[in-house]
Amino acid sequence: FIFASERNDPFFRDLKGEISDRKNEVDDRDLVVFEILESGPSTMNTTPMDPQTAASLRKHFDLPPKTFMLILLGKDGGIKLKRNDRVKLEEIFSLIDSMPMRKDEMRQKGQSF
């Protein structure tokens, strides 16, 4: 989940750019990217999301207005990372790649070749 007040938020813009540039790596890790904006359209993997759902997610994670926040949820539903500052995609990938489920996935992919 990437929460921001608007698309021009520098942390949001930088992370979104990295995600676009490294789409294959994002897909390889089965990431579902939620972009939750206070001003402007919110999306889930580029699929538009209605404003009520976006507001509900912001409320669920107890985020104050005008806040940038990245929340990484694991496949188990637990919060793996929560940051309100600039986050590099490489840091997120490293964290994901260190998780047991991901290590199993990488091993299985390696064995299938």
PDB file of N, CA and C in Angstrom:
ATOM      1  N   PHE A   1       0.850  -1.167   0.000  1.00  0.00           N
ATOM      2  CA  PHE A   1       0.000   0.000   0.000  1.00  0.00           C
ATOM      3  C   PHE A   1       0.893   1.225   0.000  1.00  0.00           C
ATOM      4  N   ILE A   2       0.615   2.145  -0.934  1.00  0.00           N
ATOM      5  CA  ILE A   2       1.327   3.417  -0.959  1.00  0.00           C
ATOM      6  C   ILE A   2       0.269   4.497  -0.761  1.00  0.00           C
ATOM      7  N   PHE A   3       0.346   5.157   0.379  1.00  0.00           N
ATOM      8  CA  PHE A   3      -0.590   6.229   0.702  1.00  0.00           C
ATOM      9  C   PHE A   3       0.107   7.570   0.499  1.00  0.00           C
ATOM     10  N   ALA A   4      -0.595   8.523  -0.118  1.00  0.00           N
ATOM     11  CA  ALA A   4      -0.054   9.874  -0.287  1.00  0.00           C
ATOM     12  C   ALA A   4      -1.221  10.841  -0.429  1.00  0.00           C
ATOM     13  N   SER A   5      -0.926  12.115  -0.204  1.00  0.00           N
ATOM     14  CA  SER A   5      -1.989  13.104  -0.346  1.00  0.00           C
ATOM     15  C   SER A   5      -2.333  13.320  -1.819  1.00  0.00           C
ATOM     16  N   GLU A   6      -1.300  13.266  -2.681  1.00  0.00           N
ATOM     17  CA  GLU A   6      -1.523  13.471  -4.118  1.00  0.00           C
ATOM     18  C   GLU A   6      -0.383  12.859  -4.924  1.00  0.00           C
ATOM     19  N   ARG A   7      -0.573  12.763  -6.229  1.00  0.00           N
ATOM     20  CA  ARG A   7       0.439  12.167  -7.113  1.00  0.00           C
ATOM     21  C   ARG A   7       1.763  12.920  -7.106  1.00  0.00           C
ATOM     22  N   ASN A   8       1.735  14.206  -6.799  1.00  0.00           N
ATOM     23  CA  ASN A   8       2.959  15.007  -6.823  1.00  0.00           C
ATOM     24  C   ASN A   8       3.808  14.861  -5.573  1.00  0.00           C
ATOM     25  N   ASP A   9       3.357  14.100  -4.588  1.00  0.00           N
ATOM     26  CA  ASP A   9       4.170  13.846  -3.400  1.00  0.00           C
ATOM     27  C   ASP A   9       5.496  13.243  -3.876  1.00  0.00           C
ATOM     28  N   PRO A  10       6.635  13.834  -3.482  1.00  0.00           N
ATOM     29  CA  PRO A  10       7.922  13.353  -4.009  1.00  0.00           C
ATOM     30  C   PRO A  10       8.232  11.897  -3.659  1.00  0.00           C
ATOM     31  N   PHE A  11       7.886  11.451  -2.457  1.00  0.00           N
ATOM     32  CA  PHE A  11       8.142  10.059  -2.081  1.00  0.00           C
ATOM     33  C   PHE A  11       7.292   9.116  -2.941  1.00  0.00           C
ATOM     34  N   PHE A  12       6.028   9.490  -3.124  1.00  0.00           N
ATOM     35  CA  PHE A  12       5.118   8.697  -3.957  1.00  0.00           C
ATOM     36  C   PHE A  12       5.624   8.639  -5.393  1.00  0.00           C
ATOM     37  N   ARG A  13       5.952   9.804  -5.935  1.00  0.00           N
ATOM     38  CA  ARG A  13       6.387   9.903  -7.332  1.00  0.00           C
ATOM     39  C   ARG A  13       7.642   9.063  -7.590  1.00  0.00           C
ATOM     40  N   ASP A  14       8.619   9.153  -6.676  1.00  0.00           N
ATOM     41  CA  ASP A  14       9.867   8.397  -6.845  1.00  0.00           C
ATOM     42  C   ASP A  14       9.623   6.891  -6.792  1.00  0.00           C
ATOM     43  N   LEU A  15       8.840   6.448  -5.818  1.00  0.00           N
ATOM     44  CA  LEU A  15       8.577   5.016  -5.676  1.00  0.00           C
ATOM     45  C   LEU A  15       7.769   4.497  -6.860  1.00  0.00           C
ATOM     46  N   LYS A  16       6.781   5.260  -7.293  1.00  0.00           N
ATOM     47  CA  LYS A  16       5.970   4.862  -8.446  1.00  0.00           C
ATOM     48  C   LYS A  16       6.839   4.744  -9.694  1.00  0.00           C
ATOM     49  N   GLY A  17       7.779   5.656  -9.858  1.00  0.00           N
ATOM     50  CA  GLY A  17       8.697   5.587 -10.998  1.00  0.00           C
ATOM     51  C   GLY A  17       9.540   4.324 -10.969  1.00  0.00           C
ATOM     52  N   GLU A  18      10.043   3.981  -9.784  1.00  0.00           N
ATOM     53  CA  GLU A  18      10.836   2.751  -9.655  1.00  0.00           C
ATOM     54  C   GLU A  18       9.992   1.519  -9.964  1.00  0.00           C
ATOM     55  N   ILE A  19       8.759   1.514  -9.484  1.00  0.00           N
ATOM     56  CA  ILE A  19       7.864   0.377  -9.732  1.00  0.00           C
ATOM     57  C   ILE A  19       7.622   0.218 -11.234  1.00  0.00           C
ATOM     58  N   SER A  20       7.397   1.324 -11.923  1.00  0.00           N
ATOM     59  CA  SER A  20       7.186   1.273 -13.375  1.00  0.00           C
ATOM     60  C   SER A  20       8.429   0.771 -14.097  1.00  0.00           C
ATOM     61  N   ASP A  21       9.596   1.259 -13.678  1.00  0.00           N
ATOM     62  CA  ASP A  21      10.859   0.879 -14.322  1.00  0.00           C
ATOM     63  C   ASP A  21      11.221  -0.585 -14.102  1.00  0.00           C
ATOM     64  N   ARG A  22      10.746  -1.155 -13.008  1.00  0.00           N
ATOM     65  CA  ARG A  22      11.132  -2.530 -12.649  1.00  0.00           C
ATOM     66  C   ARG A  22       9.916  -3.454 -12.578  1.00  0.00           C
ATOM     67  N   LYS A  23       8.988  -3.240 -13.499  1.00  0.00           N
ATOM     68  CA  LYS A  23       7.713  -3.963 -13.513  1.00  0.00           C
ATOM     69  C   LYS A  23       7.898  -5.483 -13.484  1.00  0.00           C
ATOM     70  N   ASN A  24       8.848  -6.006 -14.247  1.00  0.00           N
ATOM     71  CA  ASN A  24       9.049  -7.460 -14.271  1.00  0.00           C
ATOM     72  C   ASN A  24       9.429  -7.996 -12.898  1.00  0.00           C
ATOM     73  N   GLU A  25      10.277  -7.258 -12.181  1.00  0.00           N
ATOM     74  CA  GLU A  25      10.689  -7.694 -10.843  1.00  0.00           C
ATOM     75  C   GLU A  25       9.533  -7.598  -9.849  1.00  0.00           C
ATOM     76  N   VAL A  26       8.701  -6.578 -10.008  1.00  0.00           N
ATOM     77  CA  VAL A  26       7.504  -6.424  -9.171  1.00  0.00           C
ATOM     78  C   VAL A  26       6.568  -7.611  -9.410  1.00  0.00           C
ATOM     79  N   ASP A  27       6.341  -7.927 -10.675  1.00  0.00           N
ATOM     80  CA  ASP A  27       5.461  -9.054 -11.024  1.00  0.00           C
ATOM     81  C   ASP A  27       6.029 -10.380 -10.526  1.00  0.00           C
ATOM     82  N   ASP A  28       7.345 -10.547 -10.634  1.00  0.00           N
ATOM     83  CA  ASP A  28       7.986 -11.787 -10.196  1.00  0.00           C
ATOM     84  C   ASP A  28       7.747 -12.044  -8.710  1.00  0.00           C
ATOM     85  N   ARG A  29       7.601 -10.976  -7.941  1.00  0.00           N
ATOM     86  CA  ARG A  29       7.380 -11.104  -6.497  1.00  0.00           C
ATOM     87  C   ARG A  29       5.896 -11.098  -6.138  1.00  0.00           C
ATOM     88  N   ASP A  30       5.037 -11.163  -7.138  1.00  0.00           N
ATOM     89  CA  ASP A  30       3.577 -11.202  -6.929  1.00  0.00           C
ATOM     90  C   ASP A  30       3.060 -10.003  -6.148  1.00  0.00           C
ATOM     91  N   LEU A  31       3.672  -8.837  -6.341  1.00  0.00           N
ATOM     92  CA  LEU A  31       3.231  -7.657  -5.597  1.00  0.00           C
ATOM     93  C   LEU A  31       1.936  -7.102  -6.179  1.00  0.00           C
ATOM     94  N   VAL A  32       1.021  -6.790  -5.296  1.00  0.00           N
ATOM     95  CA  VAL A  32      -0.199  -6.069  -5.647  1.00  0.00           C
ATOM     96  C   VAL A  32       0.007  -4.667  -5.095  1.00  0.00           C
ATOM     97  N   VAL A  33      -0.003  -3.678  -5.984  1.00  0.00           N
ATOM     98  CA  VAL A  33       0.311  -2.307  -5.584  1.00  0.00           C
ATOM     99  C   VAL A  33      -0.979  -1.497  -5.476  1.00  0.00           C
ATOM    100  N   PHE A  34      -1.275  -1.078  -4.253  1.00  0.00           N
ATOM    101  CA  PHE A  34      -2.399  -0.182  -3.997  1.00  0.00           C
ATOM    102  C   PHE A  34      -1.844   1.229  -3.906  1.00  0.00           C
ATOM    103  N   GLU A  35      -2.377   2.140  -4.716  1.00  0.00           N
ATOM    104  CA  GLU A  35      -2.020   3.557  -4.638  1.00  0.00           C
ATOM    105  C   GLU A  35      -3.236   4.285  -4.084  1.00  0.00           C
ATOM    106  N   ILE A  36      -3.121   4.747  -2.850  1.00  0.00           N
ATOM    107  CA  ILE A  36      -4.248   5.375  -2.165  1.00  0.00           C
ATOM    108  C   ILE A  36      -3.949   6.866  -2.029  1.00  0.00           C
ATOM    109  N   LEU A  37      -4.681   7.678  -2.786  1.00  0.00           N
ATOM    110  CA  LEU A  37      -4.471   9.122  -2.786  1.00  0.00           C
ATOM    111  C   LEU A  37      -5.666   9.833  -2.161  1.00  0.00           C
ATOM    112  N   GLU A  38      -5.364  10.896  -1.415  1.00  0.00           N
ATOM    113  CA  GLU A  38      -6.453  11.718  -0.868  1.00  0.00           C
ATOM    114  C   GLU A  38      -7.074  12.560  -1.970  1.00  0.00           C
ATOM    115  N   SER A  39      -6.217  13.057  -2.860  1.00  0.00           N
ATOM    116  CA  SER A  39      -6.662  13.913  -3.947  1.00  0.00           C
ATOM    117  C   SER A  39      -6.291  13.242  -5.266  1.00  0.00           C
ATOM    118  N   GLY A  40      -7.284  12.819  -5.995  1.00  0.00           N
ATOM    119  CA  GLY A  40      -7.027  12.128  -7.254  1.00  0.00           C
ATOM    120  C   GLY A  40      -7.427  10.670  -7.158  1.00  0.00           C
ATOM    121  N   PRO A  41      -7.368   9.977  -8.293  1.00  0.00           N
ATOM    122  CA  PRO A  41      -7.830   8.587  -8.324  1.00  0.00           C
ATOM    123  C   PRO A  41      -6.882   7.618  -7.619  1.00  0.00           C
ATOM    124  N   SER A  42      -7.449   6.700  -6.874  1.00  0.00           N
ATOM    125  CA  SER A  42      -6.693   5.623  -6.232  1.00  0.00           C
ATOM    126  C   SER A  42      -6.846   4.369  -7.083  1.00  0.00           C
ATOM    127  N   THR A  43      -5.847   3.483  -7.002  1.00  0.00           N
ATOM    128  CA  THR A  43      -5.870   2.282  -7.834  1.00  0.00           C
ATOM    129  C   THR A  43      -5.355   1.062  -7.079  1.00  0.00           C
ATOM    130  N   MET A  44      -5.697  -0.101  -7.630  1.00  0.00           N
ATOM    131  CA  MET A  44      -5.110  -1.367  -7.205  1.00  0.00           C
ATOM    132  C   MET A  44      -4.568  -2.005  -8.474  1.00  0.00           C
ATOM    133  N   ASN A  45      -3.235  -2.051  -8.603  1.00  0.00           N
ATOM    134  CA  ASN A  45      -2.605  -2.552  -9.838  1.00  0.00           C
ATOM    135  C   ASN A  45      -3.207  -1.905 -11.085  1.00  0.00           C
ATOM    136  N   THR A  46      -3.332  -0.615 -11.082  1.00  0.00           N
ATOM    137  CA  THR A  46      -3.871   0.217 -12.175  1.00  0.00           C
ATOM    138  C   THR A  46      -5.390   0.133 -12.343  1.00  0.00           C
ATOM    139  N   THR A  47      -6.081  -0.722 -11.598  1.00  0.00           N
ATOM    140  CA  THR A  47      -7.544  -0.777 -11.649  1.00  0.00           C
ATOM    141  C   THR A  47      -8.100   0.310 -10.735  1.00  0.00           C
ATOM    142  N   PRO A  48      -8.966   1.189 -11.257  1.00  0.00           N
ATOM    143  CA  PRO A  48      -9.511   2.264 -10.428  1.00  0.00           C
ATOM    144  C   PRO A  48     -10.241   1.730  -9.189  1.00  0.00           C
ATOM    145  N   MET A  49     -10.119   2.504  -8.128  1.00  0.00           N
ATOM    146  CA  MET A  49     -10.748   2.160  -6.855  1.00  0.00           C
ATOM    147  C   MET A  49     -11.690   3.309  -6.478  1.00  0.00           C
ATOM    148  N   ASP A  50     -12.856   2.982  -5.972  1.00  0.00           N
ATOM    149  CA  ASP A  50     -13.784   4.048  -5.611  1.00  0.00           C
ATOM    150  C   ASP A  50     -13.268   4.798  -4.375  1.00  0.00           C
ATOM    151  N   PRO A  51     -13.615   6.081  -4.265  1.00  0.00           N
ATOM    152  CA  PRO A  51     -13.116   6.909  -3.160  1.00  0.00           C
ATOM    153  C   PRO A  51     -13.475   6.373  -1.775  1.00  0.00           C
ATOM    154  N   GLN A  52     -14.625   5.719  -1.643  1.00  0.00           N
ATOM    155  CA  GLN A  52     -15.023   5.182  -0.341  1.00  0.00           C
ATOM    156  C   GLN A  52     -14.073   4.065   0.101  1.00  0.00           C
ATOM    157  N   THR A  53     -13.676   3.212  -0.826  1.00  0.00           N
ATOM    158  CA  THR A  53     -12.738   2.136  -0.496  1.00  0.00           C
ATOM    159  C   THR A  53     -11.389   2.720  -0.095  1.00  0.00           C
ATOM    160  N   ALA A  54     -10.937   3.719  -0.842  1.00  0.00           N
ATOM    161  CA  ALA A  54      -9.663   4.370  -0.521  1.00  0.00           C
ATOM    162  C   ALA A  54      -9.720   4.992   0.876  1.00  0.00           C
ATOM    163  N   ALA A  55     -10.813   5.678   1.186  1.00  0.00           N
ATOM    164  CA  ALA A  55     -10.968   6.296   2.508  1.00  0.00           C
ATOM    165  C   ALA A  55     -11.018   5.228   3.600  1.00  0.00           C
ATOM    166  N   SER A  56     -11.675   4.116   3.314  1.00  0.00           N
ATOM    167  CA  SER A  56     -11.745   3.010   4.282  1.00  0.00           C
ATOM    168  C   SER A  56     -10.364   2.446   4.585  1.00  0.00           C
ATOM    169  N   LEU A  57      -9.545   2.288   3.555  1.00  0.00           N
ATOM    170  CA  LEU A  57      -8.186   1.770   3.760  1.00  0.00           C
ATOM    171  C   LEU A  57      -7.353   2.739   4.592  1.00  0.00           C
ATOM    172  N   ARG A  58      -7.488   4.027   4.294  1.00  0.00           N
ATOM    173  CA  ARG A  58      -6.758   5.042   5.067  1.00  0.00           C
ATOM    174  C   ARG A  58      -7.189   4.981   6.535  1.00  0.00           C
ATOM    175  N   LYS A  59      -8.483   4.825   6.762  1.00  0.00           N
ATOM    176  CA  LYS A  59      -9.002   4.734   8.128  1.00  0.00           C
ATOM    177  C   LYS A  59      -8.539   3.437   8.800  1.00  0.00           C
ATOM    178  N   HIS A  60      -8.570   2.326   8.054  1.00  0.00           N
ATOM    179  CA  HIS A  60      -8.160   1.028   8.601  1.00  0.00           C
ATOM    180  C   HIS A  60      -6.726   1.078   9.137  1.00  0.00           C
ATOM    181  N   PHE A  61      -5.850   1.751   8.390  1.00  0.00           N
ATOM    182  CA  PHE A  61      -4.453   1.844   8.811  1.00  0.00           C
ATOM    183  C   PHE A  61      -4.193   3.064   9.694  1.00  0.00           C
ATOM    184  N   ASP A  62      -5.269   3.786  10.061  1.00  0.00           N
ATOM    185  CA  ASP A  62      -5.202   4.902  11.005  1.00  0.00           C
ATOM    186  C   ASP A  62      -4.201   5.974  10.562  1.00  0.00           C
ATOM    187  N   LEU A  63      -4.326   6.409   9.308  1.00  0.00           N
ATOM    188  CA  LEU A  63      -3.405   7.408   8.772  1.00  0.00           C
ATOM    189  C   LEU A  63      -4.016   8.799   8.823  1.00  0.00           C
ATOM    190  N   PRO A  64      -3.295   9.752   9.378  1.00  0.00           N
ATOM    191  CA  PRO A  64      -3.794  11.126   9.381  1.00  0.00           C
ATOM    192  C   PRO A  64      -3.744  11.717   7.970  1.00  0.00           C
ATOM    193  N   PRO A  65      -4.496  12.796   7.747  1.00  0.00           N
ATOM    194  CA  PRO A  65      -4.477  13.444   6.430  1.00  0.00           C
ATOM    195  C   PRO A  65      -3.067  13.913   6.057  1.00  0.00           C
ATOM    196  N   LYS A  66      -2.848  14.019   4.761  1.00  0.00           N
ATOM    197  CA  LYS A  66      -1.590  14.548   4.199  1.00  0.00           C
ATOM    198  C   LYS A  66      -0.373  13.734   4.612  1.00  0.00           C
ATOM    199  N   THR A  67      -0.552  12.428   4.739  1.00  0.00           N
ATOM    200  CA  THR A  67       0.532  11.554   5.180  1.00  0.00           C
ATOM    201  C   THR A  67       0.988  10.647   4.049  1.00  0.00           C
ATOM    202  N   PHE A  68       2.312  10.579   3.844  1.00  0.00           N
ATOM    203  CA  PHE A  68       2.865   9.536   2.981  1.00  0.00           C
ATOM    204  C   PHE A  68       3.139   8.331   3.866  1.00  0.00           C
ATOM    205  N   MET A  69       2.763   7.153   3.383  1.00  0.00           N
ATOM    206  CA  MET A  69       3.052   5.930   4.133  1.00  0.00           C
ATOM    207  C   MET A  69       3.130   4.770   3.154  1.00  0.00           C
ATOM    208  N   LEU A  70       4.161   3.958   3.326  1.00  0.00           N
ATOM    209  CA  LEU A  70       4.268   2.698   2.596  1.00  0.00           C
ATOM    210  C   LEU A  70       4.036   1.587   3.601  1.00  0.00           C
ATOM    211  N   ILE A  71       3.119   0.696   3.288  1.00  0.00           N
ATOM    212  CA  ILE A  71       2.861  -0.464   4.142  1.00  0.00           C
ATOM    213  C   ILE A  71       2.979  -1.709   3.267  1.00  0.00           C
ATOM    214  N   LEU A  72       3.907  -2.569   3.644  1.00  0.00           N
ATOM    215  CA  LEU A  72       4.096  -3.831   2.936  1.00  0.00           C
ATOM    216  C   LEU A  72       3.469  -4.937   3.765  1.00  0.00           C
ATOM    217  N   LEU A  73       2.481  -5.600   3.178  1.00  0.00           N
ATOM    218  CA  LEU A  73       1.848  -6.742   3.838  1.00  0.00           C
ATOM    219  C   LEU A  73       2.413  -8.021   3.239  1.00  0.00           C
ATOM    220  N   GLY A  74       2.656  -8.991   4.087  1.00  0.00           N
ATOM    221  CA  GLY A  74       3.096 -10.295   3.614  1.00  0.00           C
ATOM    222  C   GLY A  74       1.909 -11.107   3.133  1.00  0.00           C
ATOM    223  N   LYS A  75       2.201 -12.226   2.513  1.00  0.00           N
ATOM    224  CA  LYS A  75       1.132 -13.114   2.046  1.00  0.00           C
ATOM    225  C   LYS A  75       0.328 -13.664   3.215  1.00  0.00           C
ATOM    226  N   ASP A  76       0.912 -13.593   4.423  1.00  0.00           N
ATOM    227  CA  ASP A  76       0.203 -14.033   5.626  1.00  0.00           C
ATOM    228  C   ASP A  76      -0.689 -12.935   6.202  1.00  0.00           C
ATOM    229  N   GLY A  77      -0.676 -11.740   5.569  1.00  0.00           N
ATOM    230  CA  GLY A  77      -1.506 -10.629   6.014  1.00  0.00           C
ATOM    231  C   GLY A  77      -0.864  -9.747   7.063  1.00  0.00           C
ATOM    232  N   GLY A  78       0.317 -10.116   7.543  1.00  0.00           N
ATOM    233  CA  GLY A  78       1.003  -9.319   8.556  1.00  0.00           C
ATOM    234  C   GLY A  78       1.770  -8.158   7.945  1.00  0.00           C
ATOM    235  N   ILE A  79       1.900  -7.082   8.716  1.00  0.00           N
ATOM    236  CA  ILE A  79       2.668  -5.920   8.267  1.00  0.00           C
ATOM    237  C   ILE A  79       4.154  -6.255   8.364  1.00  0.00           C
ATOM    238  N   LYS A  80       4.845  -6.165   7.230  1.00  0.00           N
ATOM    239  CA  LYS A  80       6.274  -6.483   7.157  1.00  0.00           C
ATOM    240  C   LYS A  80       7.137  -5.229   7.152  1.00  0.00           C
ATOM    241  N   LEU A  81       6.559  -4.128   6.689  1.00  0.00           N
ATOM    242  CA  LEU A  81       7.292  -2.862   6.631  1.00  0.00           C
ATOM    243  C   LEU A  81       6.280  -1.734   6.670  1.00  0.00           C
ATOM    244  N   LYS A  82       6.595  -0.697   7.444  1.00  0.00           N
ATOM    245  CA  LYS A  82       5.741   0.491   7.520  1.00  0.00           C
ATOM    246  C   LYS A  82       6.679   1.683   7.596  1.00  0.00           C
ATOM    247  N   ARG A  83       6.647   2.528   6.552  1.00  0.00           N
ATOM    248  CA  ARG A  83       7.577   3.652   6.484  1.00  0.00           C
ATOM    249  C   ARG A  83       6.860   4.908   6.016  1.00  0.00           C
ATOM    250  N   ASN A  84       7.230   6.036   6.621  1.00  0.00           N
ATOM    251  CA  ASN A  84       6.651   7.311   6.204  1.00  0.00           C
ATOM    252  C   ASN A  84       7.712   8.234   5.612  1.00  0.00           C
ATOM    253  N   ASP A  85       8.805   7.634   5.123  1.00  0.00           N
ATOM    254  CA  ASP A  85       9.855   8.411   4.474  1.00  0.00           C
ATOM    255  C   ASP A  85      10.200   7.760   3.135  1.00  0.00           C
ATOM    256  N   ARG A  86      11.200   8.306   2.460  1.00  0.00           N
ATOM    257  CA  ARG A  86      11.587   7.795   1.144  1.00  0.00           C
ATOM    258  C   ARG A  86      12.022   6.335   1.256  1.00  0.00           C
ATOM    259  N   VAL A  87      11.458   5.500   0.404  1.00  0.00           N
ATOM    260  CA  VAL A  87      11.768   4.072   0.398  1.00  0.00           C
ATOM    261  C   VAL A  87      12.222   3.699  -1.007  1.00  0.00           C
ATOM    262  N   LYS A  88      13.350   3.035  -1.094  1.00  0.00           N
ATOM    263  CA  LYS A  88      13.845   2.551  -2.380  1.00  0.00           C
ATOM    264  C   LYS A  88      13.265   1.159  -2.624  1.00  0.00           C
ATOM    265  N   LEU A  89      12.930   0.882  -3.848  1.00  0.00           N
ATOM    266  CA  LEU A  89      12.345  -0.406  -4.196  1.00  0.00           C
ATOM    267  C   LEU A  89      13.302  -1.549  -3.876  1.00  0.00           C
ATOM    268  N   GLU A  90      14.598  -1.312  -4.009  1.00  0.00           N
ATOM    269  CA  GLU A  90      15.586  -2.349  -3.704  1.00  0.00           C
ATOM    270  C   GLU A  90      15.484  -2.801  -2.248  1.00  0.00           C
ATOM    271  N   GLU A  91      15.198  -1.854  -1.351  1.00  0.00           N
ATOM    272  CA  GLU A  91      15.025  -2.195   0.068  1.00  0.00           C
ATOM    273  C   GLU A  91      13.812  -3.117   0.263  1.00  0.00           C
ATOM    274  N   ILE A  92      12.743  -2.816  -0.450  1.00  0.00           N
ATOM    275  CA  ILE A  92      11.537  -3.640  -0.370  1.00  0.00           C
ATOM    276  C   ILE A  92      11.817  -5.032  -0.937  1.00  0.00           C
ATOM    277  N   PHE A  93      12.480  -5.080  -2.081  1.00  0.00           N
ATOM    278  CA  PHE A  93      12.823  -6.372  -2.690  1.00  0.00           C
ATOM    279  C   PHE A  93      13.705  -7.203  -1.763  1.00  0.00           C
ATOM    280  N   SER A  94      14.695  -6.572  -1.141  1.00  0.00           N
ATOM    281  CA  SER A  94      15.591  -7.304  -0.235  1.00  0.00           C
ATOM    282  C   SER A  94      14.816  -7.908   0.924  1.00  0.00           C
ATOM    283  N   LEU A  95      13.891  -7.127   1.476  1.00  0.00           N
ATOM    284  CA  LEU A  95      13.070  -7.630   2.576  1.00  0.00           C
ATOM    285  C   LEU A  95      12.212  -8.813   2.111  1.00  0.00           C
ATOM    286  N   ILE A  96      11.558  -8.654   0.974  1.00  0.00           N
ATOM    287  CA  ILE A  96      10.716  -9.729   0.440  1.00  0.00           C
ATOM    288  C   ILE A  96      11.552 -10.976   0.177  1.00  0.00           C
ATOM    289  N   ASP A  97      12.706 -10.784  -0.447  1.00  0.00           N
ATOM    290  CA  ASP A  97      13.545 -11.929  -0.820  1.00  0.00           C
ATOM    291  C   ASP A  97      14.117 -12.663   0.387  1.00  0.00           C
ATOM    292  N   SER A  98      14.106 -12.014   1.549  1.00  0.00           N
ATOM    293  CA  SER A  98      14.609 -12.663   2.765  1.00  0.00           C
ATOM    294  C   SER A  98      13.523 -13.471   3.486  1.00  0.00           C
ATOM    295  N   MET A  99      12.277 -13.354   3.032  1.00  0.00           N
ATOM    296  CA  MET A  99      11.161 -14.043   3.687  1.00  0.00           C
ATOM    297  C   MET A  99      11.137 -15.522   3.285  1.00  0.00           C
ATOM    298  N   PRO A 100      10.800 -16.401   4.226  1.00  0.00           N
ATOM    299  CA  PRO A 100      10.792 -17.843   3.937  1.00  0.00           C
ATOM    300  C   PRO A 100       9.932 -18.243   2.734  1.00  0.00           C
ATOM    301  N   MET A 101       8.735 -17.662   2.607  1.00  0.00           N
ATOM    302  CA  MET A 101       7.867 -18.006   1.472  1.00  0.00           C
ATOM    303  C   MET A 101       8.535 -17.661   0.148  1.00  0.00           C
ATOM    304  N   ARG A 102       9.169 -16.498   0.107  1.00  0.00           N
ATOM    305  CA  ARG A 102       9.835 -16.052  -1.124  1.00  0.00           C
ATOM    306  C   ARG A 102      11.035 -16.946  -1.432  1.00  0.00           C
ATOM    307  N   LYS A 103      11.783 -17.317  -0.404  1.00  0.00           N
ATOM    308  CA  LYS A 103      12.927 -18.209  -0.621  1.00  0.00           C
ATOM    309  C   LYS A 103      12.460 -19.534  -1.213  1.00  0.00           C
ATOM    310  N   ASP A 104      11.338 -20.042  -0.710  1.00  0.00           N
ATOM    311  CA  ASP A 104      10.769 -21.281  -1.261  1.00  0.00           C
ATOM    312  C   ASP A 104      10.378 -21.095  -2.732  1.00  0.00           C
ATOM    313  N   GLU A 105       9.741 -19.955  -3.040  1.00  0.00           N
ATOM    314  CA  GLU A 105       9.342 -19.676  -4.425  1.00  0.00           C
ATOM    315  C   GLU A 105      10.564 -19.627  -5.337  1.00  0.00           C
ATOM    316  N   MET A 106      11.630 -18.965  -4.883  1.00  0.00           N
ATOM    317  CA  MET A 106      12.835 -18.846  -5.706  1.00  0.00           C
ATOM    318  C   MET A 106      13.473 -20.215  -5.923  1.00  0.00           C
ATOM    319  N   ARG A 107      13.489 -21.044  -4.882  1.00  0.00           N
ATOM    320  CA  ARG A 107      14.033 -22.401  -5.014  1.00  0.00           C
ATOM    321  C   ARG A 107      13.223 -23.211  -6.026  1.00  0.00           C
ATOM    322  N   GLN A 108      11.893 -23.120  -5.920  1.00  0.00           N
ATOM    323  CA  GLN A 108      11.027 -23.874  -6.836  1.00  0.00           C
ATOM    324  C   GLN A 108      11.225 -23.424  -8.279  1.00  0.00           C
ATOM    325  N   LYS A 109      11.348 -22.121  -8.492  1.00  0.00           N
ATOM    326  CA  LYS A 109      11.571 -21.609  -9.848  1.00  0.00           C
ATOM    327  C   LYS A 109      12.913 -22.091 -10.375  1.00  0.00           C
ATOM    328  N   GLY A 110      13.907 -22.137  -9.518  1.00  0.00           N
ATOM    329  CA  GLY A 110      15.231 -22.608  -9.918  1.00  0.00           C
ATOM    330  C   GLY A 110      15.223 -24.074 -10.282  1.00  0.00           C
ATOM    331  N   GLN A 111      14.402 -24.851  -9.590  1.00  0.00           N
ATOM    332  CA  GLN A 111      14.341 -26.295  -9.844  1.00  0.00           C
ATOM    333  C   GLN A 111      13.562 -26.612 -11.112  1.00  0.00           C
ATOM    334  N   SER A 112      12.694 -25.705 -11.520  1.00  0.00           N
ATOM    335  CA  SER A 112      11.862 -25.998 -12.687  1.00  0.00           C
ATOM    336  C   SER A 112      12.602 -25.773 -13.995  1.00  0.00           C
ATOM    337  N   PHE A 113      13.766 -25.166 -13.952  1.00  0.00           N
ATOM    338  CA  PHE A 113      14.527 -24.917 -15.189  1.00  0.00           C
ATOM    339  C   PHE A 113      15.439 -26.051 -15.510  1.00  0.00           C
TER     340      PHE A 113
END
